[in-house]
């Protein structure tokens, strides 16, 4: 479920690693990191896409905000200034003039890091500019984690008495709040994995593995708690875990992603420029991927996840419980350069990349994460599997998910998939593909995730590993201008409207 089908395949890897012959290599091979445009992601490049250009015509709503740095901090430019600047950038112009408030200004977005300046031609006074994505959602309030983001992993310290009492009070209030008829109906159907009289016989493979049984019991609790407003999916992966963990730590440092609960499958926003929602992914599948590797195609893998729709799934082609226990095998491929290229893509200074990669691999070994494919050690248990429980707000399901057959073709009989998932039918048989768009995956009021590792040592140590990784990245990205440059590049040339240069470690 790195893709679901554990079949042999052959992909190249990102950047400098040439494709290698593989034996037993399955879909968890990080083929989604192959190739890629290494050019800086600037506002001019980010805005030069068809789906954004319409917003810069007269009277059309703007999808971004342009801000200028004044003595009192960052302030929005006027709508006319925003439209004039964005119109030029959408044409690919990076140095141009505009007229605003009776003055002529030279605007320059030619710097590789993506920031801009606005200079008054008469006075020579220059000020910094930045571009923010207006966004569809604001980040969920910090206190919401006590209400609905789920129980923390085993290693999470218990809250203090006062904090715990406050959290319980908030949870009681949330539980007693009135719910809509639609949410009440979903709650009456119960957990998605148990609907339609689903059999729990796939759990037989968990017998004798108390750790795995405990992980699945926690997932069941999450489903029962969240089934009213959220549909659930299961994504299995193994050697991609280190990449997912680095994504999560970077997301925590720069964007307040709650990495204590889960990894982050994708983080580079510009990869989604041509695929902003699931309709584009289905279209691209039919036109580009259907006859060429299907969901194994690197361009598909850069944005898509293969998932099952039940914790007790039996197929087609994958059983979640069996995949979690058995994991995946992957041979004759080193991902060390994949990690280094990822760190560069996350704007870690190039001079620090190699040393940081060494430290991350050593850190992984210390906490029990299998990094045998990165030149490090395997986990002691030999169980390298990981399972992500992925909750998507029901209103977003048809924007981010489609029902799929093995290898990714659309399963029209279960489309739109929301109707199938909102019903009381069994979801034991049926795959899906999810658009793992970071814009939604980093917002806890859109997507919520929890992870379990088949190796009990790393499962127990995961939060400590994340804490150490976050501290390391926070030191490297501590300087505010570097932090802003990194966030701008990762977010596709413009920042989310709620972003701040403040050190985000306290929010992790």
Protein backbone atom coordinates (compact mmCIF):
# COMPACT_ATOMS: atom_id res chain seq x y z
CA UNK A 1 0.00 0.00 0.00
CA UNK A 2 2.99 2.22 -0.48
CA UNK A 3 0.95 1.06 -3.31
CA UNK A 4 -1.22 -1.87 -2.30
CA UNK A 5 -0.03 -4.57 -4.64
CA UNK A 6 3.10 -6.32 -3.43
CA UNK A 7 4.38 -7.06 -6.91
CA UNK A 8 7.87 -6.57 -8.27
CA UNK A 9 8.44 -3.27 -10.01
CA UNK A 10 11.38 -1.18 -11.12
CA UNK A 11 11.63 2.54 -10.52
CA UNK A 12 14.41 5.02 -10.45
CA UNK A 13 14.98 7.24 -7.49
CA UNK A 14 15.19 10.94 -7.05
CA UNK A 15 18.06 13.04 -8.28
CA UNK A 16 21.45 11.43 -8.58
CA UNK A 17 20.55 7.74 -8.15
CA UNK A 18 20.15 5.95 -11.50
CA UNK A 19 17.54 3.21 -11.82
CA UNK A 20 18.78 -0.18 -10.61
CA UNK A 21 17.57 -3.67 -11.28
CA UNK A 22 15.46 -4.77 -8.35
CA UNK A 23 14.46 -8.06 -6.83
CA UNK A 24 11.42 -8.29 -4.60
CA UNK A 25 11.04 -4.52 -4.81
CA UNK A 26 7.46 -3.44 -4.27
CA UNK A 27 5.53 -0.23 -4.20
CA UNK A 28 7.19 1.10 -1.08
CA UNK A 29 10.32 1.94 -3.05
CA UNK A 30 9.94 5.74 -3.00
CA UNK A 31 9.52 5.81 -6.76
CA UNK A 32 7.33 8.85 -6.20
CA UNK A 33 10.52 10.82 -5.52
CA UNK A 34 12.03 10.17 -8.96
CA UNK A 35 13.05 12.98 -11.24
CA UNK A 36 11.49 16.31 -10.46
CA UNK A 37 12.27 19.89 -11.32
CA UNK A 38 14.99 21.17 -8.97
CA UNK A 39 14.53 24.82 -9.99
CA UNK A 40 13.61 27.23 -7.20
CA UNK A 41 9.87 27.49 -6.58
CA UNK A 42 9.23 31.22 -6.87
CA UNK A 43 5.92 33.15 -6.90
CA UNK A 44 6.26 33.71 -10.64
CA UNK A 45 6.47 29.97 -11.24
CA UNK A 46 3.77 29.19 -8.69
CA UNK A 47 1.32 31.63 -10.24
CA UNK A 48 1.96 30.69 -13.86
CA UNK A 49 -0.59 27.86 -13.79
CA UNK A 50 -3.94 27.86 -15.53
CA UNK A 51 -6.02 27.12 -12.47
CA UNK A 52 -4.72 30.28 -10.75
CA UNK A 53 -4.58 32.72 -13.66
CA UNK A 54 -8.34 33.30 -13.75
CA UNK A 55 -8.16 34.89 -10.31
CA UNK A 56 -6.18 37.84 -11.64
CA UNK A 57 -8.72 39.03 -14.18
CA UNK A 58 -10.80 42.03 -13.21
CA UNK A 59 -13.45 41.33 -10.54
CA UNK A 60 -12.39 37.68 -10.21
CA UNK A 61 -11.67 36.52 -6.64
CA UNK A 62 -8.01 36.37 -5.72
CA UNK A 63 -6.66 33.08 -4.45
CA UNK A 64 -3.57 34.66 -2.88
CA UNK A 65 -2.64 37.65 -0.72
CA UNK A 66 0.30 39.96 -1.38
CA UNK A 67 1.79 41.60 1.71
CA UNK A 68 4.28 44.43 2.21
CA UNK A 69 6.56 44.76 5.23
CA UNK A 70 5.97 48.11 6.95
CA UNK A 71 7.30 49.42 10.24
CA UNK A 72 4.40 47.77 12.07
CA UNK A 73 4.91 44.39 10.41
CA UNK A 74 3.40 42.64 7.40
CA UNK A 75 0.28 44.29 5.94
CA UNK A 76 -1.96 43.33 3.01
CA UNK A 77 -1.51 45.39 -0.15
CA UNK A 78 -4.65 46.86 -1.69
CA UNK A 79 -6.71 44.58 -3.90
CA UNK A 80 -5.72 46.57 -7.00
CA UNK A 81 -2.03 46.25 -6.12
CA UNK A 82 -2.40 42.52 -5.47
CA UNK A 83 -4.15 42.03 -8.80
CA UNK A 84 -1.56 44.06 -10.70
CA UNK A 85 1.36 42.17 -9.14
CA UNK A 86 -0.20 38.74 -9.58
CA UNK A 87 -1.17 39.45 -13.17
CA UNK A 88 2.46 40.15 -14.06
CA UNK A 89 3.76 37.15 -12.13
CA UNK A 90 1.21 34.89 -13.82
CA UNK A 91 2.73 35.94 -17.15
CA UNK A 92 6.13 34.88 -15.91
CA UNK A 93 7.39 38.44 -15.38
CA UNK A 94 9.57 38.81 -12.30
CA UNK A 95 10.73 42.45 -12.66
CA UNK A 96 8.12 45.03 -13.64
CA UNK A 97 6.55 48.36 -12.73
CA UNK A 98 3.13 49.15 -11.28
CA UNK A 99 1.33 52.39 -10.49
CA UNK A 100 -0.39 52.61 -7.09
CA UNK A 101 -1.51 55.42 -4.78
CA UNK A 102 -0.20 58.04 -7.20
CA UNK A 103 3.33 56.54 -7.20
CA UNK A 104 5.33 54.37 -9.57
CA UNK A 105 6.98 51.30 -8.11
CA UNK A 106 9.53 48.80 -9.36
CA UNK A 107 8.60 45.27 -8.26
CA UNK A 108 11.33 42.62 -8.25
CA UNK A 109 10.72 38.91 -7.61
CA UNK A 110 13.87 37.72 -9.37
CA UNK A 111 15.60 36.35 -6.26
CA UNK A 112 15.89 32.57 -6.23
CA UNK A 113 14.42 32.26 -2.73
CA UNK A 114 11.15 33.75 -3.94
CA UNK A 115 10.85 36.86 -1.80
CA UNK A 116 10.19 40.19 -3.51
CA UNK A 117 10.84 43.91 -3.12
CA UNK A 118 8.84 46.98 -4.03
CA UNK A 119 10.89 50.14 -4.65
CA UNK A 120 9.44 53.64 -4.97
CA UNK A 121 11.02 54.91 -8.19
CA UNK A 122 10.93 58.56 -7.03
CA UNK A 123 12.34 58.13 -3.52
CA UNK A 124 14.31 54.88 -3.84
CA UNK A 125 12.63 53.53 -0.70
CA UNK A 126 12.48 49.72 -0.89
CA UNK A 127 10.25 47.37 1.10
CA UNK A 128 9.95 43.58 1.19
CA UNK A 129 7.00 41.78 -0.42
CA UNK A 130 5.70 38.27 0.15
CA UNK A 131 2.88 36.21 -1.30
CA UNK A 132 0.57 34.06 0.80
CA UNK A 133 -1.88 31.41 -0.29
CA UNK A 134 -5.28 32.62 0.90
CA UNK A 135 -6.23 29.04 1.75
CA UNK A 136 -9.58 27.39 2.29
CA UNK A 137 -9.14 26.53 5.95
CA UNK A 138 -7.52 28.19 8.93
CA UNK A 139 -5.43 25.98 11.21
CA UNK A 140 -7.41 24.25 13.91
CA UNK A 141 -7.03 25.92 17.34
CA UNK A 142 -4.36 24.38 19.54
CA UNK A 143 -6.86 23.37 22.20
CA UNK A 144 -8.76 21.25 19.69
CA UNK A 145 -6.14 18.56 20.09
CA UNK A 146 -7.71 17.79 23.49
CA UNK A 147 -11.12 17.47 21.91
CA UNK A 148 -10.64 15.47 18.79
CA UNK A 149 -7.13 14.76 17.56
CA UNK A 150 -7.02 11.47 19.42
CA UNK A 151 -4.99 9.95 22.17
CA UNK A 152 -1.27 10.49 21.95
CA UNK A 153 1.12 7.58 21.45
CA UNK A 154 2.23 5.49 24.38
CA UNK A 155 5.30 7.64 24.94
CA UNK A 156 3.33 10.89 25.35
CA UNK A 157 3.59 12.23 28.90
CA UNK A 158 0.31 12.49 30.78
CA UNK A 159 -1.02 16.04 31.23
CA UNK A 160 -0.82 17.76 34.61
CA UNK A 161 -3.84 17.71 36.89
CA UNK A 162 -5.16 21.11 35.87
CA UNK A 163 -4.45 20.53 32.18
CA UNK A 164 -6.09 17.10 32.32
CA UNK A 165 -9.17 18.49 34.05
CA UNK A 166 -9.47 21.22 31.41
CA UNK A 167 -9.15 18.66 28.63
CA UNK A 168 -11.79 16.42 30.16
CA UNK A 169 -14.12 19.36 30.55
CA UNK A 170 -13.65 20.30 26.91
CA UNK A 171 -14.26 16.72 25.82
CA UNK A 172 -17.43 16.53 27.91
CA UNK A 173 -18.63 19.77 26.35
CA UNK A 174 -17.84 18.49 22.86
CA UNK A 175 -19.64 15.22 23.54
CA UNK A 176 -22.76 17.01 24.75
CA UNK A 177 -22.87 19.51 21.87
CA UNK A 178 -25.74 19.00 19.43
CA UNK A 179 -24.86 17.22 16.18
CA UNK A 180 -26.42 17.48 12.75
CA UNK A 181 -28.77 14.74 11.47
CA UNK A 182 -26.07 13.65 9.02
CA UNK A 183 -23.49 13.19 11.77
CA UNK A 184 -26.03 11.44 13.98
CA UNK A 185 -26.80 9.03 11.13
CA UNK A 186 -23.11 8.21 10.65
CA UNK A 187 -22.70 7.63 14.37
CA UNK A 188 -25.67 5.29 14.33
CA UNK A 189 -23.97 3.24 11.59
CA UNK A 190 -20.88 2.98 13.78
CA UNK A 191 -17.21 2.49 12.88
CA UNK A 192 -16.61 2.21 9.15
CA UNK A 193 -14.64 -1.04 9.43
CA UNK A 194 -17.56 -2.80 11.15
CA UNK A 195 -20.41 -1.63 8.93
CA UNK A 196 -22.51 -3.96 6.82
CA UNK A 197 -21.97 -6.94 9.08
CA UNK A 198 -18.27 -7.04 8.30
CA UNK A 199 -16.44 -10.08 9.59
CA UNK A 200 -13.39 -9.61 11.79
CA UNK A 201 -11.84 -12.89 10.64
CA UNK A 202 -8.85 -11.10 9.02
CA UNK A 203 -7.74 -10.34 12.57
CA UNK A 204 -6.76 -14.01 12.93
CA UNK A 205 -3.33 -13.14 11.57
CA UNK A 206 -2.81 -10.97 14.66
CA UNK A 207 -3.05 -13.92 17.04
CA UNK A 208 0.08 -14.30 19.12
CA UNK A 209 1.20 -10.71 18.44
CA UNK A 210 0.02 -8.68 21.42
CA UNK A 211 1.61 -5.50 20.13
CA UNK A 212 -0.24 -5.69 16.80
CA UNK A 213 -3.52 -6.46 18.57
CA UNK A 214 -3.07 -3.42 20.78
CA UNK A 215 -2.37 -1.21 17.73
CA UNK A 216 -5.52 -2.42 15.98
CA UNK A 217 -7.58 -1.91 19.15
CA UNK A 218 -6.41 1.72 19.27
CA UNK A 219 -7.36 2.18 15.62
CA UNK A 220 -10.81 0.75 16.40
CA UNK A 221 -11.22 3.26 19.23
CA UNK A 222 -10.31 6.10 16.86
CA UNK A 223 -12.88 4.96 14.32
CA UNK A 224 -15.61 4.75 16.96
CA UNK A 225 -14.83 8.26 18.18
CA UNK A 226 -14.53 9.98 14.80
CA UNK A 227 -16.96 8.09 12.54
CA UNK A 228 -19.60 10.84 12.68
CA UNK A 229 -17.72 13.47 10.69
CA UNK A 230 -14.82 11.53 9.19
CA UNK A 231 -14.31 8.75 6.65
CA UNK A 232 -11.31 6.50 7.31
CA UNK A 233 -8.65 4.91 5.11
CA UNK A 234 -5.59 2.73 5.73
CA UNK A 235 -2.22 3.23 4.06
CA UNK A 236 0.58 0.71 4.57
CA UNK A 237 4.24 1.53 4.02
CA UNK A 238 7.62 0.26 5.17
CA UNK A 239 10.96 1.66 4.00
CA UNK A 240 9.38 4.99 3.08
CA UNK A 241 8.99 5.54 6.83
CA UNK A 242 12.12 7.65 7.26
CA UNK A 243 11.06 9.97 4.43
CA UNK A 244 7.58 10.29 5.96
CA UNK A 245 9.12 11.01 9.36
CA UNK A 246 11.35 13.77 7.94
CA UNK A 247 8.32 15.29 6.20
CA UNK A 248 6.46 15.28 9.51
CA UNK A 249 9.31 16.94 11.41
CA UNK A 250 9.74 19.65 8.76
CA UNK A 251 5.97 20.16 8.80
CA UNK A 252 6.10 20.53 12.58
CA UNK A 253 8.94 23.05 12.54
CA UNK A 254 7.56 25.22 9.74
CA UNK A 255 3.79 24.66 9.67
CA UNK A 256 2.72 23.42 13.12
CA UNK A 257 1.90 19.95 11.77
CA UNK A 258 1.14 17.64 14.71
CA UNK A 259 3.87 15.12 14.10
CA UNK A 260 3.37 13.50 17.51
CA UNK A 261 0.34 11.70 16.06
CA UNK A 262 1.49 10.74 12.58
CA UNK A 263 3.95 10.98 9.76
CA UNK A 264 3.32 13.13 6.69
CA UNK A 265 3.28 11.28 3.35
CA UNK A 266 3.93 14.29 1.09
CA UNK A 267 5.14 17.81 1.82
CA UNK A 268 6.29 19.50 -1.43
CA UNK A 269 3.33 21.62 -2.45
CA UNK A 270 4.53 22.39 -5.98
CA UNK A 271 4.19 18.69 -6.87
CA UNK A 272 0.42 19.26 -6.77
CA UNK A 273 0.39 22.19 -9.18
CA UNK A 274 -1.05 20.07 -11.99
CA UNK A 275 -3.18 17.96 -9.67
CA UNK A 276 -5.01 20.25 -7.21
CA UNK A 277 -7.88 17.84 -6.57
CA UNK A 278 -8.90 14.25 -7.25
CA UNK A 279 -10.67 15.02 -10.53
CA UNK A 280 -7.33 16.09 -12.01
CA UNK A 281 -5.67 12.91 -10.73
CA UNK A 282 -8.36 10.71 -12.33
CA UNK A 283 -8.03 12.64 -15.59
CA UNK A 284 -4.26 12.31 -15.58
CA UNK A 285 -4.54 8.62 -14.77
CA UNK A 286 -6.75 8.00 -17.80
CA UNK A 287 -4.67 10.17 -20.15
CA UNK A 288 -1.09 9.67 -18.92
CA UNK A 289 -0.76 6.73 -16.54
CA UNK A 290 -3.28 4.06 -17.58
CA UNK A 291 -1.02 2.59 -20.26
CA UNK A 292 2.27 3.46 -18.56
CA UNK A 293 2.85 1.90 -15.12
CA UNK A 294 -0.59 3.01 -13.86
CA UNK A 295 -0.34 3.96 -10.19
CA UNK A 296 3.32 2.90 -10.21
CA UNK A 297 4.06 5.88 -12.44
CA UNK A 298 6.34 8.30 -10.56
CA UNK A 299 4.09 11.27 -11.36
CA UNK A 300 1.12 9.44 -9.88
CA UNK A 301 3.10 8.42 -6.84
CA UNK A 302 4.29 11.99 -6.18
CA UNK A 303 0.74 12.98 -5.28
CA UNK A 304 -1.24 9.78 -4.65
CA UNK A 305 -1.57 7.20 -1.89
CA UNK A 306 -2.99 3.71 -2.26
CA UNK A 307 -5.36 2.86 0.58
CA UNK A 308 -7.88 0.32 1.82
CA UNK A 309 -11.16 1.38 3.37
CA UNK A 310 -11.42 -1.04 6.28
CA UNK A 311 -9.21 -2.18 9.11
CA UNK A 312 -10.60 -5.66 8.41
CA UNK A 313 -10.10 -5.47 4.65
CA UNK A 314 -9.84 -8.68 2.68
CA UNK A 315 -9.10 -7.24 -0.73
CA UNK A 316 -8.88 -7.02 -3.57
CA UNK A 317 -5.21 -7.97 -3.35
CA UNK A 318 -4.47 -6.73 0.17
CA UNK A 319 -5.43 -7.50 3.73
CA UNK A 320 -4.51 -4.66 6.08
CA UNK A 321 -3.82 -6.93 9.05
CA UNK A 322 -1.63 -9.29 7.02
CA UNK A 323 0.29 -6.44 5.41
CA UNK A 324 0.96 -4.88 8.81
CA UNK A 325 2.37 -8.13 10.17
CA UNK A 326 4.29 -9.23 7.08
CA UNK A 327 5.46 -5.82 5.95
CA UNK A 328 7.30 -5.45 2.65
CA UNK A 329 10.67 -6.54 1.35
CA UNK A 330 12.93 -4.27 -0.65
CA UNK A 331 16.35 -5.22 -1.97
CA UNK A 332 19.27 -3.85 -3.97
CA UNK A 333 18.37 -0.20 -3.59
CA UNK A 334 19.89 2.50 -1.40
CA UNK A 335 17.88 5.56 -0.53
CA UNK A 336 20.66 7.62 1.02
CA UNK A 337 20.67 10.10 -1.86
CA UNK A 338 16.88 10.19 -1.75
CA UNK A 339 17.14 11.45 1.83
CA UNK A 340 19.78 14.03 0.94
CA UNK A 341 17.77 15.33 -2.01
CA UNK A 342 14.70 15.55 0.20
CA UNK A 343 16.59 17.65 2.76
CA UNK A 344 17.76 19.96 -0.03
CA UNK A 345 14.17 20.21 -1.30
CA UNK A 346 13.18 21.24 2.24
CA UNK A 347 15.75 24.05 1.99
CA UNK A 348 18.27 22.67 4.43
CA UNK A 349 21.51 24.51 3.48
CA UNK A 350 23.46 22.31 1.09
CA UNK A 351 26.63 22.41 3.18
CA UNK A 352 24.74 20.82 6.07
CA UNK A 353 22.85 18.14 4.13
CA UNK A 354 25.34 15.25 4.22
CA UNK A 355 26.14 15.62 7.92
CA UNK A 356 22.44 16.00 8.77
CA UNK A 357 21.61 12.84 6.79
CA UNK A 358 24.25 10.93 8.79
CA UNK A 359 22.79 12.22 12.04
CA UNK A 360 19.21 11.36 11.05
CA UNK A 361 20.16 7.80 10.10
CA UNK A 362 22.05 7.35 13.39
CA UNK A 363 19.10 8.83 15.27
CA UNK A 364 16.77 6.39 13.50
CA UNK A 365 18.92 3.42 14.49
CA UNK A 366 18.96 4.57 18.12
CA UNK A 367 15.17 4.64 18.27
CA UNK A 368 14.66 1.38 16.39
CA UNK A 369 13.51 2.56 12.96
CA UNK A 370 14.56 0.26 10.13
CA UNK A 371 16.91 2.27 7.91
CA UNK A 372 18.61 -0.66 6.17
CA UNK A 373 17.74 0.83 2.78
CA UNK A 374 19.46 4.11 3.72
CA UNK A 375 22.79 2.53 4.59
CA UNK A 376 21.86 2.01 8.23
CA UNK A 377 20.73 -0.92 10.34
CA UNK A 378 17.56 -2.99 10.15
CA UNK A 379 15.20 -3.02 13.13
CA UNK A 380 15.84 -5.88 15.57
CA UNK A 381 12.39 -7.45 15.17
CA UNK A 382 12.66 -7.63 11.38
CA UNK A 383 9.17 -6.08 11.17
CA UNK A 384 9.58 -2.93 9.08
CA UNK A 385 5.88 -2.36 8.39
CA UNK A 386 3.93 0.77 9.34
CA UNK A 387 0.23 1.51 9.07
CA UNK A 388 -1.32 4.95 8.73
CA UNK A 389 -4.93 5.49 9.78
CA UNK A 390 -6.13 8.39 7.68
CA UNK A 391 -9.32 10.32 8.53
CA UNK A 392 -10.72 12.76 5.95
CA UNK A 393 -13.61 15.11 6.67
CA UNK A 394 -16.65 13.72 4.87
CA UNK A 395 -17.21 17.01 3.02
CA UNK A 396 -13.71 16.66 1.49
CA UNK A 397 -13.83 12.99 0.53
CA UNK A 398 -14.92 13.53 -3.07
CA UNK A 399 -12.28 16.24 -3.44
CA UNK A 400 -9.41 14.03 -2.26
CA UNK A 401 -10.43 10.38 -2.86
CA UNK A 402 -11.63 8.13 -5.65
CA UNK A 403 -12.70 4.48 -5.58
CA UNK A 404 -10.08 2.36 -7.32
CA UNK A 405 -9.44 -1.06 -8.73
CA UNK A 406 -6.01 -2.68 -8.26
CA UNK A 407 -3.25 -0.58 -9.82
CA UNK A 408 -5.41 2.52 -9.80
CA UNK A 409 -8.15 2.47 -12.48
CA UNK A 410 -11.33 4.20 -11.34
CA UNK A 411 -13.97 1.82 -9.97
CA UNK A 412 -17.06 3.51 -11.40
CA UNK A 413 -19.44 1.22 -9.50
CA UNK A 414 -18.38 2.83 -6.20
CA UNK A 415 -18.29 6.42 -7.44
CA UNK A 416 -18.75 8.92 -6.04
CA UNK A 417 -16.96 7.18 -3.22
CA UNK A 418 -18.59 9.37 -0.57
CA UNK A 419 -21.96 7.68 -1.17
CA UNK A 420 -20.41 4.27 -0.54
CA UNK A 421 -18.56 5.43 2.58
CA UNK A 422 -21.56 7.34 3.97
CA UNK A 423 -23.75 4.25 3.72
CA UNK A 424 -24.05 1.26 6.05
CA UNK A 425 -22.45 -1.07 3.48
CA UNK A 426 -19.40 -3.19 4.18
CA UNK A 427 -16.10 -1.64 3.11
CA UNK A 428 -14.07 -4.84 3.50
CA UNK A 429 -13.56 -5.20 -0.24
CA UNK A 430 -12.50 -2.17 -2.21
CA UNK A 431 -9.42 -0.05 -2.72
CA UNK A 432 -9.18 3.74 -3.07
CA UNK A 433 -6.62 6.34 -4.10
CA UNK A 434 -6.09 9.48 -2.04
CA UNK A 435 -4.63 12.78 -3.21
CA UNK A 436 -2.15 13.45 -0.38
CA UNK A 437 -2.22 17.23 -0.81
CA UNK A 438 -0.15 18.85 1.99
CA UNK A 439 -2.50 21.85 2.01
CA UNK A 440 -5.15 19.57 3.52
CA UNK A 441 -2.93 16.99 5.21
CA UNK A 442 -1.29 19.66 7.37
CA UNK A 443 -4.67 21.01 8.54
CA UNK A 444 -6.17 19.04 11.41
CA UNK A 445 -9.67 20.26 10.58
CA UNK A 446 -9.39 18.63 7.14
CA UNK A 447 -7.31 15.48 7.64
CA UNK A 448 -6.25 13.61 10.78
CA UNK A 449 -3.77 10.78 10.90
CA UNK A 450 -2.49 8.22 13.37
CA UNK A 451 0.29 5.70 12.82
CA UNK A 452 1.39 2.36 14.22
CA UNK A 453 4.64 0.50 13.62
CA UNK A 454 4.90 -3.28 13.53
CA UNK A 455 8.21 -3.03 15.34
CA UNK A 456 7.27 -2.47 19.00
CA UNK A 457 10.51 -0.67 19.85
CA UNK A 458 10.11 2.07 17.26
CA UNK A 459 6.37 2.27 17.94
CA UNK A 460 7.19 2.99 21.58
CA UNK A 461 10.02 5.41 20.73
CA UNK A 462 8.45 7.24 17.83
CA UNK A 463 7.54 10.45 19.64
CA UNK A 464 10.98 10.68 21.25
CA UNK A 465 12.47 10.22 17.76
CA UNK A 466 10.25 13.00 16.40
CA UNK A 467 11.14 15.30 19.29
CA UNK A 468 14.85 14.81 18.62
CA UNK A 469 14.43 15.26 14.87
CA UNK A 470 12.37 18.43 15.36
CA UNK A 471 15.00 19.91 17.70
CA UNK A 472 17.71 19.21 15.13
CA UNK A 473 15.77 20.78 12.24
CA UNK A 474 14.70 23.71 14.40
CA UNK A 475 18.33 24.61 15.07
CA UNK A 476 19.17 24.42 11.37
CA UNK A 477 16.12 26.46 10.34
CA UNK A 478 16.25 28.80 13.34
CA UNK A 479 17.05 31.99 11.43
CA UNK A 480 13.69 33.66 10.51
CA UNK A 481 14.61 34.52 6.91
CA UNK A 482 15.78 30.93 6.25
CA UNK A 483 12.63 29.62 7.90
CA UNK A 484 10.51 31.82 5.63
CA UNK A 485 12.50 30.82 2.55
CA UNK A 486 12.08 27.14 3.39
CA UNK A 487 8.35 27.46 4.08
CA UNK A 488 7.84 29.45 0.87
CA UNK A 489 9.62 26.89 -1.26
CA UNK A 490 7.94 23.89 0.33
CA UNK A 491 4.52 25.51 0.09
CA UNK A 492 4.90 26.05 -3.64
CA UNK A 493 6.13 29.64 -3.94
CA UNK A 494 3.75 31.30 -1.49
CA UNK A 495 3.00 30.94 2.19
CA UNK A 496 -0.29 29.89 3.75
CA UNK A 497 -2.17 32.90 5.08
CA UNK A 498 -1.78 31.72 8.69
CA UNK A 499 1.99 31.19 8.49
CA UNK A 500 4.38 32.92 10.88
CA UNK A 501 8.17 33.09 11.08
CA UNK A 502 7.90 32.31 14.80
CA UNK A 503 9.74 29.20 15.94
CA UNK A 504 7.04 26.51 15.90
CA UNK A 505 8.63 23.96 18.26
CA UNK A 506 6.21 24.79 21.07
CA UNK A 507 3.29 23.92 18.76
CA UNK A 508 4.63 20.52 17.70
